[in-house]
C-alpha cells in the first residue's frame, strides 16, 4: 500500500513538474521565426520592448524578451538590474552584445553553493503577450518558444570559485562557449544586452 502511494505521489510530482515546464515554455517570441528570408529588427522595436516594463522607484525593471527562438538558435533581449545566479549551459554557446549600461562579468571557474541542473536563470522575467501587443500593435501569439531542453552540463549555483572577472560596457561583446560558468557579478544600475544562443560545436 505504501509503495502504491509513493508511486502515485511520484506520478503527481512528475505531472506538476511537466506543467510548470510547459508554462515557462509557452512564451511566444515577438517574431515568427524566419525560414527563407532575413529578418530586420528595427532599433525602434528594441526601444519599445525596453519601455514595456514599468520602472520601480525610478529604476528600469528587469526582463527577458524572446525576439526569435527556434530549436537551434534564439535571440533574446535582456535587461538586468542586479547580479544573476552563476550558471552554465551544457548544449548552448552564447554571444552577449551589450547595448546599454555596464557591469562586471565573472566567467570560468567552478560553480559552487546550492547546485541545480536548471540553467534557465532568467525564466521568471519573460515578457508576456500583453507587452508584445503594445510593442507591435496587432501582434497575435505564434508558436511558443521551444523549451530549453536540459542537457548534461546544465547547472546553476550561488557562487563561482575562481574564474576571471571582466568589466564590460555598451559596445562590448562576450563569447561564452557551452559549459563555461558565467554570471553578472556586478551591475552599474542596469545593463541591457542581446543574448544570441546557438548549439555548441560538435
N, C-alpha and C. Protein backbone atom coordinates (compact mmCIF):
# COMPACT_ATOMS: atom_id res chain seq x y z
N UNK A 1 0.83 -1.20 0.00
CA UNK A 1 0.00 0.00 0.00
C UNK A 1 0.88 1.27 0.00
N UNK A 2 1.92 1.23 0.87
CA UNK A 2 2.82 2.37 0.93
C UNK A 2 3.52 2.58 -0.40
N UNK A 3 3.94 1.46 -1.02
CA UNK A 3 4.61 1.55 -2.32
C UNK A 3 3.67 2.17 -3.35
N UNK A 4 2.41 1.75 -3.32
CA UNK A 4 1.43 2.29 -4.26
C UNK A 4 1.25 3.79 -4.08
N UNK A 5 1.18 4.24 -2.82
CA UNK A 5 1.04 5.68 -2.55
C UNK A 5 2.25 6.45 -3.04
N UNK A 6 3.44 5.88 -2.81
CA UNK A 6 4.66 6.54 -3.26
C UNK A 6 4.68 6.66 -4.77
N UNK A 7 4.22 5.61 -5.45
CA UNK A 7 4.19 5.66 -6.92
C UNK A 7 3.24 6.76 -7.39
N UNK A 8 2.03 6.83 -6.75
CA UNK A 8 1.07 7.86 -7.15
C UNK A 8 1.62 9.26 -6.89
N UNK A 9 2.32 9.42 -5.74
CA UNK A 9 2.93 10.70 -5.42
C UNK A 9 3.99 11.07 -6.46
N UNK A 10 4.78 10.08 -6.85
CA UNK A 10 5.83 10.34 -7.85
C UNK A 10 5.22 10.78 -9.17
N UNK A 11 4.13 10.10 -9.60
CA UNK A 11 3.48 10.48 -10.85
C UNK A 11 2.87 11.88 -10.74
N UNK A 12 2.31 12.22 -9.57
CA UNK A 12 1.74 13.55 -9.39
C UNK A 12 2.80 14.63 -9.48
N UNK A 13 3.95 14.37 -8.83
CA UNK A 13 5.04 15.34 -8.89
C UNK A 13 5.57 15.48 -10.31
N UNK A 14 5.67 14.36 -11.01
CA UNK A 14 6.14 14.41 -12.40
C UNK A 14 5.20 15.23 -13.25
N UNK A 15 3.89 15.05 -13.02
CA UNK A 15 2.91 15.83 -13.77
C UNK A 15 3.01 17.31 -13.47
N UNK A 16 3.21 17.63 -12.16
CA UNK A 16 3.35 19.02 -11.78
C UNK A 16 4.58 19.65 -12.42
N UNK A 17 5.70 18.92 -12.37
CA UNK A 17 6.93 19.44 -12.99
C UNK A 17 6.73 19.66 -14.48
N UNK A 18 6.02 18.74 -15.13
CA UNK A 18 5.76 18.89 -16.55
C UNK A 18 4.91 20.11 -16.83
N UNK A 19 3.91 20.36 -15.94
CA UNK A 19 3.05 21.53 -16.11
C UNK A 19 3.84 22.81 -15.97
N UNK A 20 4.69 22.87 -14.92
CA UNK A 20 5.49 24.07 -14.71
C UNK A 20 6.43 24.30 -15.89
N UNK A 21 7.07 23.23 -16.37
CA UNK A 21 7.95 23.37 -17.52
C UNK A 21 7.20 23.87 -18.74
N UNK A 22 5.99 23.32 -18.95
CA UNK A 22 5.19 23.76 -20.09
C UNK A 22 4.81 25.22 -19.95
N UNK A 23 4.51 25.65 -18.71
CA UNK A 23 4.11 27.04 -18.50
C UNK A 23 5.24 27.98 -18.90
N UNK A 24 6.46 27.66 -18.51
CA UNK A 24 7.58 28.50 -18.88
C UNK A 24 7.85 28.42 -20.37
N UNK A 25 7.53 27.27 -21.00
CA UNK A 25 7.80 27.13 -22.43
C UNK A 25 6.79 27.90 -23.27
N UNK A 26 5.58 28.17 -22.72
CA UNK A 26 4.53 28.80 -23.50
C UNK A 26 4.73 30.30 -23.62
N UNK A 27 5.86 30.69 -24.13
CA UNK A 27 6.16 32.10 -24.35
C UNK A 27 6.40 32.28 -25.85
N UNK A 28 5.43 32.90 -26.51
CA UNK A 28 5.59 33.13 -27.94
C UNK A 28 6.62 34.22 -28.16
N UNK A 29 7.55 34.02 -29.08
CA UNK A 29 8.51 35.10 -29.38
C UNK A 29 7.80 36.25 -30.09
N UNK A 30 8.47 37.38 -30.12
CA UNK A 30 7.89 38.55 -30.76
C UNK A 30 7.69 38.32 -32.25
N UNK A 31 8.66 37.68 -32.90
CA UNK A 31 8.59 37.46 -34.33
C UNK A 31 8.46 35.97 -34.64
N UNK A 32 7.71 35.65 -35.69
CA UNK A 32 7.68 34.29 -36.19
C UNK A 32 9.05 33.98 -36.78
N UNK A 33 9.58 32.83 -36.45
CA UNK A 33 10.94 32.52 -36.90
C UNK A 33 11.03 32.50 -38.43
N UNK A 34 12.02 33.18 -38.99
CA UNK A 34 12.17 33.21 -40.45
C UNK A 34 12.74 31.89 -40.96
N UNK A 35 12.30 31.49 -42.13
CA UNK A 35 12.79 30.25 -42.74
C UNK A 35 13.50 30.49 -44.06
N UNK A 36 13.02 31.46 -44.82
CA UNK A 36 13.60 31.65 -46.15
C UNK A 36 13.89 33.11 -46.46
N UNK A 37 13.94 33.95 -45.42
CA UNK A 37 14.25 35.36 -45.66
C UNK A 37 14.90 35.93 -44.42
N UNK A 38 15.57 37.05 -44.61
CA UNK A 38 16.20 37.74 -43.48
C UNK A 38 15.13 38.44 -42.65
N UNK A 39 15.47 38.71 -41.41
CA UNK A 39 14.52 39.36 -40.51
C UNK A 39 15.15 40.63 -39.95
N UNK A 40 14.73 41.79 -40.43
CA UNK A 40 15.23 43.03 -39.84
C UNK A 40 14.49 43.32 -38.54
N UNK A 41 15.22 43.75 -37.52
CA UNK A 41 14.61 44.14 -36.25
C UNK A 41 15.00 45.59 -36.00
N UNK A 42 14.08 46.53 -36.22
CA UNK A 42 14.43 47.96 -36.10
C UNK A 42 14.83 48.32 -34.67
N UNK A 43 15.70 49.31 -34.57
CA UNK A 43 16.11 49.81 -33.26
C UNK A 43 14.90 50.32 -32.49
N UNK A 44 13.93 50.90 -33.21
CA UNK A 44 12.73 51.43 -32.54
C UNK A 44 11.96 50.32 -31.84
N UNK A 45 11.97 49.11 -32.41
CA UNK A 45 11.29 47.99 -31.77
C UNK A 45 11.98 47.61 -30.47
N UNK A 46 13.30 47.58 -30.49
CA UNK A 46 14.04 47.26 -29.27
C UNK A 46 13.78 48.31 -28.19
N UNK A 47 13.70 49.58 -28.60
CA UNK A 47 13.39 50.62 -27.62
C UNK A 47 12.00 50.43 -27.04
N UNK A 48 11.04 50.02 -27.88
CA UNK A 48 9.68 49.78 -27.40
C UNK A 48 9.64 48.64 -26.40
N UNK A 49 10.43 47.60 -26.66
CA UNK A 49 10.50 46.48 -25.72
C UNK A 49 11.01 46.97 -24.37
N UNK A 50 12.04 47.78 -24.39
CA UNK A 50 12.63 48.25 -23.13
C UNK A 50 11.68 49.17 -22.36
N UNK A 51 10.79 49.87 -23.08
CA UNK A 51 9.83 50.74 -22.41
C UNK A 51 8.63 49.97 -21.87
N UNK A 52 8.49 48.73 -22.29
CA UNK A 52 7.30 47.95 -21.95
C UNK A 52 7.27 47.55 -20.48
N UNK A 53 8.42 47.45 -19.87
CA UNK A 53 8.48 47.04 -18.46
C UNK A 53 8.48 48.29 -17.59
N UNK A 54 7.51 48.41 -16.68
CA UNK A 54 7.44 49.63 -15.88
C UNK A 54 8.63 49.80 -14.95
N UNK A 55 8.94 51.05 -14.66
CA UNK A 55 10.01 51.35 -13.72
C UNK A 55 9.52 51.17 -12.29
N UNK A 56 10.45 50.94 -11.40
CA UNK A 56 10.14 50.81 -9.98
C UNK A 56 11.10 51.70 -9.22
N UNK A 57 10.54 52.65 -8.45
CA UNK A 57 11.36 53.61 -7.70
C UNK A 57 12.31 54.37 -8.62
N UNK A 58 11.82 54.67 -9.83
CA UNK A 58 12.62 55.43 -10.77
C UNK A 58 13.66 54.63 -11.51
N UNK A 59 13.71 53.33 -11.27
CA UNK A 59 14.70 52.49 -11.92
C UNK A 59 14.01 51.55 -12.91
N UNK A 60 14.64 51.26 -14.06
CA UNK A 60 14.02 50.35 -15.04
C UNK A 60 13.89 48.95 -14.47
N UNK A 61 12.84 48.26 -14.87
CA UNK A 61 12.62 46.90 -14.39
C UNK A 61 13.36 45.87 -15.23
N UNK A 62 13.64 44.71 -14.66
CA UNK A 62 14.32 43.65 -15.41
C UNK A 62 13.34 42.90 -16.31
N UNK A 63 13.84 42.33 -17.39
CA UNK A 63 13.02 41.49 -18.26
C UNK A 63 13.91 40.58 -19.09
N UNK A 64 13.28 39.56 -19.65
CA UNK A 64 13.92 38.67 -20.63
C UNK A 64 12.93 38.52 -21.77
N UNK A 65 13.27 39.03 -22.94
CA UNK A 65 12.34 39.11 -24.07
C UNK A 65 12.82 38.27 -25.24
N UNK A 66 12.11 37.16 -25.51
CA UNK A 66 12.43 36.34 -26.67
C UNK A 66 12.00 37.07 -27.94
N UNK A 67 12.96 37.51 -28.73
CA UNK A 67 12.63 38.14 -30.01
C UNK A 67 12.38 37.08 -31.07
N UNK A 68 13.28 36.12 -31.17
CA UNK A 68 13.15 34.99 -32.09
C UNK A 68 13.68 33.77 -31.37
N UNK A 69 13.03 32.63 -31.56
CA UNK A 69 13.51 31.40 -30.92
C UNK A 69 13.18 30.20 -31.79
N UNK A 70 14.10 29.28 -31.86
CA UNK A 70 13.91 28.04 -32.59
C UNK A 70 14.68 26.96 -31.85
N UNK A 71 14.62 25.75 -32.36
CA UNK A 71 15.29 24.65 -31.67
C UNK A 71 16.80 24.72 -31.78
N UNK A 72 17.32 25.51 -32.72
CA UNK A 72 18.77 25.58 -32.91
C UNK A 72 19.36 26.98 -32.71
N UNK A 73 18.54 27.95 -32.35
CA UNK A 73 19.06 29.29 -32.08
C UNK A 73 18.01 30.09 -31.34
N UNK A 74 18.44 31.16 -30.71
CA UNK A 74 17.48 32.10 -30.13
C UNK A 74 18.15 33.47 -30.03
N UNK A 75 17.32 34.50 -30.04
CA UNK A 75 17.76 35.87 -29.89
C UNK A 75 16.89 36.50 -28.81
N UNK A 76 17.50 36.88 -27.70
CA UNK A 76 16.76 37.40 -26.55
C UNK A 76 17.35 38.73 -26.12
N UNK A 77 16.47 39.69 -25.87
CA UNK A 77 16.89 40.98 -25.32
C UNK A 77 16.64 40.92 -23.82
N UNK A 78 17.68 41.22 -23.04
CA UNK A 78 17.60 41.07 -21.58
C UNK A 78 18.04 42.37 -20.91
N UNK A 79 17.30 42.73 -19.87
CA UNK A 79 17.75 43.82 -19.00
C UNK A 79 17.82 43.30 -17.57
N UNK A 80 18.97 43.47 -16.96
CA UNK A 80 19.15 43.07 -15.57
C UNK A 80 19.46 44.31 -14.73
N UNK A 81 18.98 44.29 -13.51
CA UNK A 81 19.23 45.41 -12.60
C UNK A 81 19.99 44.95 -11.35
N UNK A 82 20.25 43.66 -11.27
CA UNK A 82 21.05 43.15 -10.16
C UNK A 82 21.77 41.89 -10.64
N UNK A 83 22.81 41.47 -9.95
CA UNK A 83 23.56 40.28 -10.38
C UNK A 83 22.65 39.06 -10.50
N UNK A 84 22.98 38.18 -11.44
CA UNK A 84 22.21 36.95 -11.59
C UNK A 84 22.98 35.78 -10.98
N UNK A 85 22.34 34.61 -10.99
CA UNK A 85 22.97 33.42 -10.41
C UNK A 85 24.02 32.86 -11.37
N UNK A 86 25.09 32.31 -10.86
CA UNK A 86 26.05 31.61 -11.72
C UNK A 86 25.36 30.45 -12.42
N UNK A 87 25.64 30.30 -13.71
CA UNK A 87 25.03 29.18 -14.44
C UNK A 87 25.91 28.81 -15.63
N UNK A 88 25.64 27.63 -16.19
CA UNK A 88 26.35 27.15 -17.38
C UNK A 88 25.37 26.33 -18.20
N UNK A 89 25.45 26.47 -19.52
CA UNK A 89 24.58 25.72 -20.44
C UNK A 89 25.39 24.59 -21.05
N UNK A 90 24.89 23.36 -20.91
CA UNK A 90 25.63 22.22 -21.42
C UNK A 90 25.64 22.11 -22.92
N UNK A 91 24.58 22.58 -23.60
CA UNK A 91 24.46 22.37 -25.04
C UNK A 91 24.47 23.66 -25.85
N UNK A 92 24.42 24.81 -25.20
CA UNK A 92 24.31 26.08 -25.91
C UNK A 92 25.52 26.96 -25.66
N UNK A 93 26.08 27.51 -26.73
CA UNK A 93 27.06 28.59 -26.62
C UNK A 93 26.31 29.91 -26.79
N UNK A 94 26.92 31.00 -26.33
CA UNK A 94 26.24 32.29 -26.36
C UNK A 94 27.18 33.41 -26.77
N UNK A 95 26.60 34.44 -27.35
CA UNK A 95 27.30 35.71 -27.55
C UNK A 95 26.44 36.78 -26.89
N UNK A 96 27.05 37.54 -25.97
CA UNK A 96 26.39 38.69 -25.38
C UNK A 96 26.85 39.93 -26.14
N UNK A 97 25.90 40.75 -26.59
CA UNK A 97 26.20 42.03 -27.21
C UNK A 97 25.61 43.11 -26.30
N UNK A 98 26.46 43.84 -25.62
CA UNK A 98 26.00 44.80 -24.62
C UNK A 98 25.52 46.07 -25.34
N UNK A 99 24.24 46.40 -25.11
CA UNK A 99 23.62 47.55 -25.77
C UNK A 99 23.67 48.80 -24.90
N UNK A 100 23.42 48.63 -23.60
CA UNK A 100 23.38 49.77 -22.68
C UNK A 100 23.95 49.35 -21.33
N UNK A 101 24.51 50.31 -20.61
CA UNK A 101 24.96 50.06 -19.26
C UNK A 101 26.30 49.36 -19.20
N UNK A 102 26.65 48.94 -17.99
CA UNK A 102 27.94 48.29 -17.78
C UNK A 102 27.88 47.46 -16.51
N UNK A 103 28.88 46.63 -16.34
CA UNK A 103 28.96 45.80 -15.16
C UNK A 103 30.19 44.92 -15.22
N UNK A 104 30.27 44.00 -14.29
CA UNK A 104 31.39 43.07 -14.22
C UNK A 104 30.86 41.66 -14.41
N UNK A 105 31.43 40.94 -15.38
CA UNK A 105 31.09 39.54 -15.61
C UNK A 105 32.18 38.66 -15.04
N UNK A 106 31.76 37.55 -14.46
CA UNK A 106 32.68 36.53 -13.98
C UNK A 106 32.46 35.28 -14.80
N UNK A 107 33.52 34.77 -15.40
CA UNK A 107 33.41 33.59 -16.27
C UNK A 107 34.48 32.58 -15.90
N UNK A 108 34.21 31.32 -16.25
CA UNK A 108 35.15 30.26 -15.94
C UNK A 108 35.02 29.82 -14.49
N UNK A 109 36.03 29.15 -13.97
CA UNK A 109 36.00 28.68 -12.60
C UNK A 109 35.03 27.52 -12.41
N UNK A 110 34.55 27.37 -11.19
CA UNK A 110 33.67 26.26 -10.82
C UNK A 110 32.45 26.79 -10.09
N UNK A 111 31.27 26.36 -10.53
CA UNK A 111 30.04 26.76 -9.85
C UNK A 111 29.93 26.01 -8.53
N UNK A 112 29.66 26.74 -7.46
CA UNK A 112 29.56 26.14 -6.14
C UNK A 112 28.28 26.62 -5.45
N UNK A 113 28.10 26.21 -4.20
CA UNK A 113 26.93 26.62 -3.44
C UNK A 113 25.79 25.67 -3.66
N UNK A 114 24.57 26.19 -3.60
CA UNK A 114 23.37 25.37 -3.80
C UNK A 114 23.21 25.07 -5.28
N UNK A 115 23.53 23.85 -5.70
CA UNK A 115 23.56 23.50 -7.12
C UNK A 115 22.23 22.94 -7.60
N UNK A 116 21.86 23.28 -8.85
CA UNK A 116 20.73 22.66 -9.53
C UNK A 116 21.17 22.34 -10.95
N UNK A 117 20.33 21.61 -11.66
CA UNK A 117 20.61 21.29 -13.07
C UNK A 117 19.73 22.12 -14.00
N UNK A 118 19.30 23.28 -13.54
CA UNK A 118 18.48 24.18 -14.35
C UNK A 118 19.31 25.43 -14.64
N UNK A 119 19.66 25.64 -15.91
CA UNK A 119 20.50 26.79 -16.27
C UNK A 119 19.67 27.98 -16.75
N UNK A 120 18.33 27.85 -16.79
CA UNK A 120 17.47 28.95 -17.26
C UNK A 120 17.17 29.88 -16.10
N UNK A 121 18.13 30.71 -15.74
CA UNK A 121 18.01 31.52 -14.53
C UNK A 121 17.16 32.78 -14.72
N UNK A 122 16.79 33.12 -15.97
CA UNK A 122 16.01 34.34 -16.21
C UNK A 122 14.57 34.04 -16.60
N UNK A 123 14.12 32.81 -16.46
CA UNK A 123 12.81 32.44 -16.99
C UNK A 123 11.65 33.15 -16.26
N UNK A 124 11.86 33.57 -15.03
CA UNK A 124 10.77 34.25 -14.31
C UNK A 124 10.55 35.67 -14.82
N UNK A 125 11.41 36.17 -15.71
CA UNK A 125 11.32 37.54 -16.18
C UNK A 125 10.87 37.62 -17.64
N UNK A 126 10.38 36.50 -18.22
CA UNK A 126 9.90 36.52 -19.59
C UNK A 126 8.77 37.53 -19.75
N UNK A 127 8.77 38.27 -20.84
CA UNK A 127 7.68 39.19 -21.14
C UNK A 127 6.45 38.42 -21.60
N UNK A 128 5.27 38.97 -21.33
CA UNK A 128 4.03 38.29 -21.69
C UNK A 128 3.40 38.89 -22.94
N UNK A 129 2.27 38.30 -23.33
CA UNK A 129 1.62 38.68 -24.59
C UNK A 129 1.13 40.12 -24.57
N UNK A 130 0.65 40.61 -23.43
CA UNK A 130 0.14 41.98 -23.39
C UNK A 130 1.24 42.98 -23.71
N UNK A 131 2.45 42.66 -23.30
CA UNK A 131 3.57 43.55 -23.61
C UNK A 131 3.86 43.52 -25.11
N UNK A 132 3.85 42.33 -25.71
CA UNK A 132 4.13 42.24 -27.14
C UNK A 132 3.09 43.03 -27.94
N UNK A 133 1.83 43.03 -27.48
CA UNK A 133 0.79 43.77 -28.22
C UNK A 133 1.04 45.27 -28.15
N UNK A 134 1.66 45.73 -27.08
CA UNK A 134 2.00 47.15 -27.00
C UNK A 134 3.19 47.47 -27.90
N UNK A 135 4.10 46.52 -28.04
CA UNK A 135 5.28 46.73 -28.88
C UNK A 135 4.91 46.72 -30.36
N UNK A 136 4.12 45.70 -30.75
CA UNK A 136 3.69 45.57 -32.15
C UNK A 136 2.16 45.49 -32.18
N UNK A 137 1.47 46.61 -32.41
CA UNK A 137 0.00 46.57 -32.48
C UNK A 137 -0.47 45.54 -33.49
N UNK A 138 -1.45 44.76 -33.10
CA UNK A 138 -1.95 43.70 -33.97
C UNK A 138 -1.23 42.38 -33.81
N UNK A 139 -0.23 42.35 -32.92
CA UNK A 139 0.51 41.10 -32.69
C UNK A 139 -0.43 40.02 -32.21
N UNK A 140 -0.26 38.83 -32.73
CA UNK A 140 -1.02 37.67 -32.29
C UNK A 140 -0.05 36.56 -31.92
N UNK A 141 -0.36 35.77 -30.89
CA UNK A 141 0.57 34.72 -30.47
C UNK A 141 0.85 33.74 -31.60
N UNK A 142 2.11 33.45 -31.79
CA UNK A 142 2.51 32.41 -32.72
C UNK A 142 2.86 31.16 -31.95
N UNK A 143 3.59 30.25 -32.55
CA UNK A 143 4.02 29.05 -31.82
C UNK A 143 4.88 29.45 -30.63
N UNK A 144 4.69 28.80 -29.49
CA UNK A 144 5.51 29.13 -28.33
C UNK A 144 6.97 28.82 -28.58
N UNK A 145 7.83 29.50 -27.85
CA UNK A 145 9.26 29.24 -27.96
C UNK A 145 9.53 27.80 -27.56
N UNK A 146 10.38 27.08 -28.30
CA UNK A 146 10.73 25.73 -27.88
C UNK A 146 11.39 25.79 -26.51
N UNK A 147 11.03 24.88 -25.61
CA UNK A 147 11.68 24.91 -24.30
C UNK A 147 13.16 24.60 -24.42
N UNK A 148 13.94 25.19 -23.54
CA UNK A 148 15.36 24.85 -23.49
C UNK A 148 15.50 23.49 -22.86
N UNK A 149 15.77 22.50 -23.68
CA UNK A 149 15.91 21.14 -23.16
C UNK A 149 17.10 21.07 -22.22
N UNK A 150 16.89 20.47 -21.08
CA UNK A 150 18.01 20.28 -20.17
C UNK A 150 18.98 19.29 -20.77
N UNK A 151 20.25 19.61 -20.62
CA UNK A 151 21.30 18.79 -21.22
C UNK A 151 22.36 18.52 -20.17
N UNK A 152 23.13 17.46 -20.34
CA UNK A 152 24.25 17.23 -19.43
C UNK A 152 25.15 18.47 -19.39
N UNK A 153 25.47 18.91 -18.21
CA UNK A 153 26.28 20.12 -18.08
C UNK A 153 25.49 21.35 -17.71
N UNK A 154 24.15 21.31 -17.86
CA UNK A 154 23.32 22.42 -17.39
C UNK A 154 23.42 22.51 -15.87
N UNK A 155 23.66 23.68 -15.36
CA UNK A 155 23.71 23.82 -13.91
C UNK A 155 23.60 25.28 -13.50
N UNK A 156 23.24 25.50 -12.26
CA UNK A 156 23.30 26.82 -11.65
C UNK A 156 23.69 26.63 -10.20
N UNK A 157 24.12 27.70 -9.59
CA UNK A 157 24.53 27.65 -8.20
C UNK A 157 24.44 29.02 -7.58
N UNK A 158 25.21 29.26 -6.55
CA UNK A 158 25.16 30.54 -5.86
C UNK A 158 26.48 31.30 -5.92
N UNK A 159 27.57 30.61 -6.25
CA UNK A 159 28.87 31.25 -6.31
C UNK A 159 29.71 30.64 -7.43
N UNK A 160 30.72 31.36 -7.86
CA UNK A 160 31.74 30.81 -8.76
C UNK A 160 33.08 30.90 -8.04
N UNK A 161 33.71 29.76 -7.88
CA UNK A 161 35.05 29.74 -7.29
C UNK A 161 36.08 29.91 -8.39
N UNK A 162 36.92 30.93 -8.27
CA UNK A 162 37.92 31.18 -9.30
C UNK A 162 37.32 31.93 -10.48
N UNK A 163 37.81 31.60 -11.65
CA UNK A 163 37.33 32.27 -12.85
C UNK A 163 38.00 33.62 -13.07
N UNK A 164 37.48 34.35 -14.05
CA UNK A 164 38.04 35.64 -14.46
C UNK A 164 36.94 36.69 -14.36
N UNK A 165 37.28 37.85 -13.83
CA UNK A 165 36.33 38.96 -13.73
C UNK A 165 36.72 40.01 -14.77
N UNK A 166 35.71 40.42 -15.55
CA UNK A 166 35.98 41.35 -16.65
C UNK A 166 34.89 42.42 -16.69
N UNK A 167 35.29 43.68 -16.69
CA UNK A 167 34.31 44.76 -16.83
C UNK A 167 33.90 44.88 -18.29
N UNK A 168 32.60 44.94 -18.53
CA UNK A 168 32.08 45.10 -19.88
C UNK A 168 31.11 46.27 -19.89
N UNK A 169 31.01 46.93 -21.05
CA UNK A 169 30.17 48.12 -21.17
C UNK A 169 29.55 48.14 -22.56
N UNK A 170 28.64 49.09 -22.76
CA UNK A 170 27.94 49.23 -24.04
C UNK A 170 28.94 49.21 -25.19
N UNK A 171 28.66 48.39 -26.20
CA UNK A 171 29.54 48.24 -27.35
C UNK A 171 30.42 47.02 -27.28
N UNK A 172 30.55 46.43 -26.08
CA UNK A 172 31.38 45.23 -25.92
C UNK A 172 30.59 43.97 -26.27
N UNK A 173 31.32 42.91 -26.59
CA UNK A 173 30.74 41.60 -26.85
C UNK A 173 31.46 40.58 -25.98
N UNK A 174 30.75 39.51 -25.63
CA UNK A 174 31.33 38.44 -24.83
C UNK A 174 30.90 37.10 -25.41
N UNK A 175 31.88 36.26 -25.77
CA UNK A 175 31.60 34.90 -26.25
C UNK A 175 31.72 33.95 -25.07
N UNK A 176 30.67 33.15 -24.86
CA UNK A 176 30.65 32.20 -23.75
C UNK A 176 30.39 30.81 -24.32
N UNK A 177 31.43 30.00 -24.48
CA UNK A 177 31.22 28.64 -25.00
C UNK A 177 30.36 27.80 -24.06
N UNK A 178 29.69 26.80 -24.63
CA UNK A 178 28.88 25.90 -23.82
C UNK A 178 29.72 25.28 -22.72
N UNK A 179 29.13 25.17 -21.55
CA UNK A 179 29.80 24.55 -20.42
C UNK A 179 30.60 25.49 -19.55
N UNK A 180 30.80 26.74 -20.01
CA UNK A 180 31.59 27.69 -19.24
C UNK A 180 30.70 28.41 -18.22
N UNK A 181 31.01 28.32 -16.93
CA UNK A 181 30.23 29.05 -15.93
C UNK A 181 30.32 30.56 -16.17
N UNK A 182 29.22 31.27 -15.93
CA UNK A 182 29.23 32.71 -16.11
C UNK A 182 28.14 33.35 -15.27
N UNK A 183 28.32 34.62 -15.00
CA UNK A 183 27.32 35.40 -14.27
C UNK A 183 27.66 36.88 -14.37
N UNK A 184 26.63 37.72 -14.17
CA UNK A 184 26.86 39.13 -13.94
C UNK A 184 27.14 39.27 -12.45
N UNK A 185 28.37 39.58 -12.10
CA UNK A 185 28.77 39.69 -10.70
C UNK A 185 28.38 41.05 -10.11
N UNK A 186 28.45 42.10 -10.95
CA UNK A 186 28.10 43.44 -10.52
C UNK A 186 27.48 44.18 -11.69
N UNK A 187 26.42 44.97 -11.40
CA UNK A 187 25.77 45.75 -12.45
C UNK A 187 25.70 47.20 -11.99
N UNK A 188 26.11 48.09 -12.87
CA UNK A 188 26.10 49.52 -12.56
C UNK A 188 24.73 50.11 -12.90
N UNK A 189 23.78 49.95 -12.02
CA UNK A 189 22.43 50.44 -12.26
C UNK A 189 21.61 49.44 -13.03
N UNK A 190 21.86 49.33 -14.33
CA UNK A 190 21.20 48.32 -15.16
C UNK A 190 22.08 48.04 -16.37
N UNK A 191 21.87 46.90 -16.99
CA UNK A 191 22.59 46.54 -18.20
C UNK A 191 21.60 45.89 -19.16
N UNK A 192 21.68 46.28 -20.43
CA UNK A 192 20.82 45.71 -21.48
C UNK A 192 21.72 45.03 -22.50
N UNK A 193 21.39 43.79 -22.83
CA UNK A 193 22.23 43.08 -23.79
C UNK A 193 21.40 42.10 -24.61
N UNK A 194 21.90 41.83 -25.82
CA UNK A 194 21.33 40.79 -26.67
C UNK A 194 22.05 39.48 -26.34
N UNK A 195 21.28 38.45 -26.14
CA UNK A 195 21.82 37.11 -25.85
C UNK A 195 21.51 36.23 -27.06
N UNK A 196 22.55 35.87 -27.81
CA UNK A 196 22.40 35.04 -29.01
C UNK A 196 22.88 33.63 -28.68
N UNK A 197 21.98 32.67 -28.69
CA UNK A 197 22.33 31.29 -28.36
C UNK A 197 22.38 30.44 -29.63
N UNK A 198 23.32 29.50 -29.65
CA UNK A 198 23.42 28.57 -30.78
C UNK A 198 24.06 27.29 -30.25
N UNK A 199 23.84 26.15 -30.93
CA UNK A 199 24.36 24.88 -30.42
C UNK A 199 25.87 24.87 -30.34
N UNK A 200 26.40 24.17 -29.35
CA UNK A 200 27.83 24.08 -29.19
C UNK A 200 28.45 23.32 -30.35
N UNK A 201 29.71 23.56 -30.60
CA UNK A 201 30.43 22.84 -31.67
C UNK A 201 30.55 21.36 -31.30
N UNK A 202 30.41 20.51 -32.30
CA UNK A 202 30.48 19.06 -32.05
C UNK A 202 31.91 18.57 -32.23
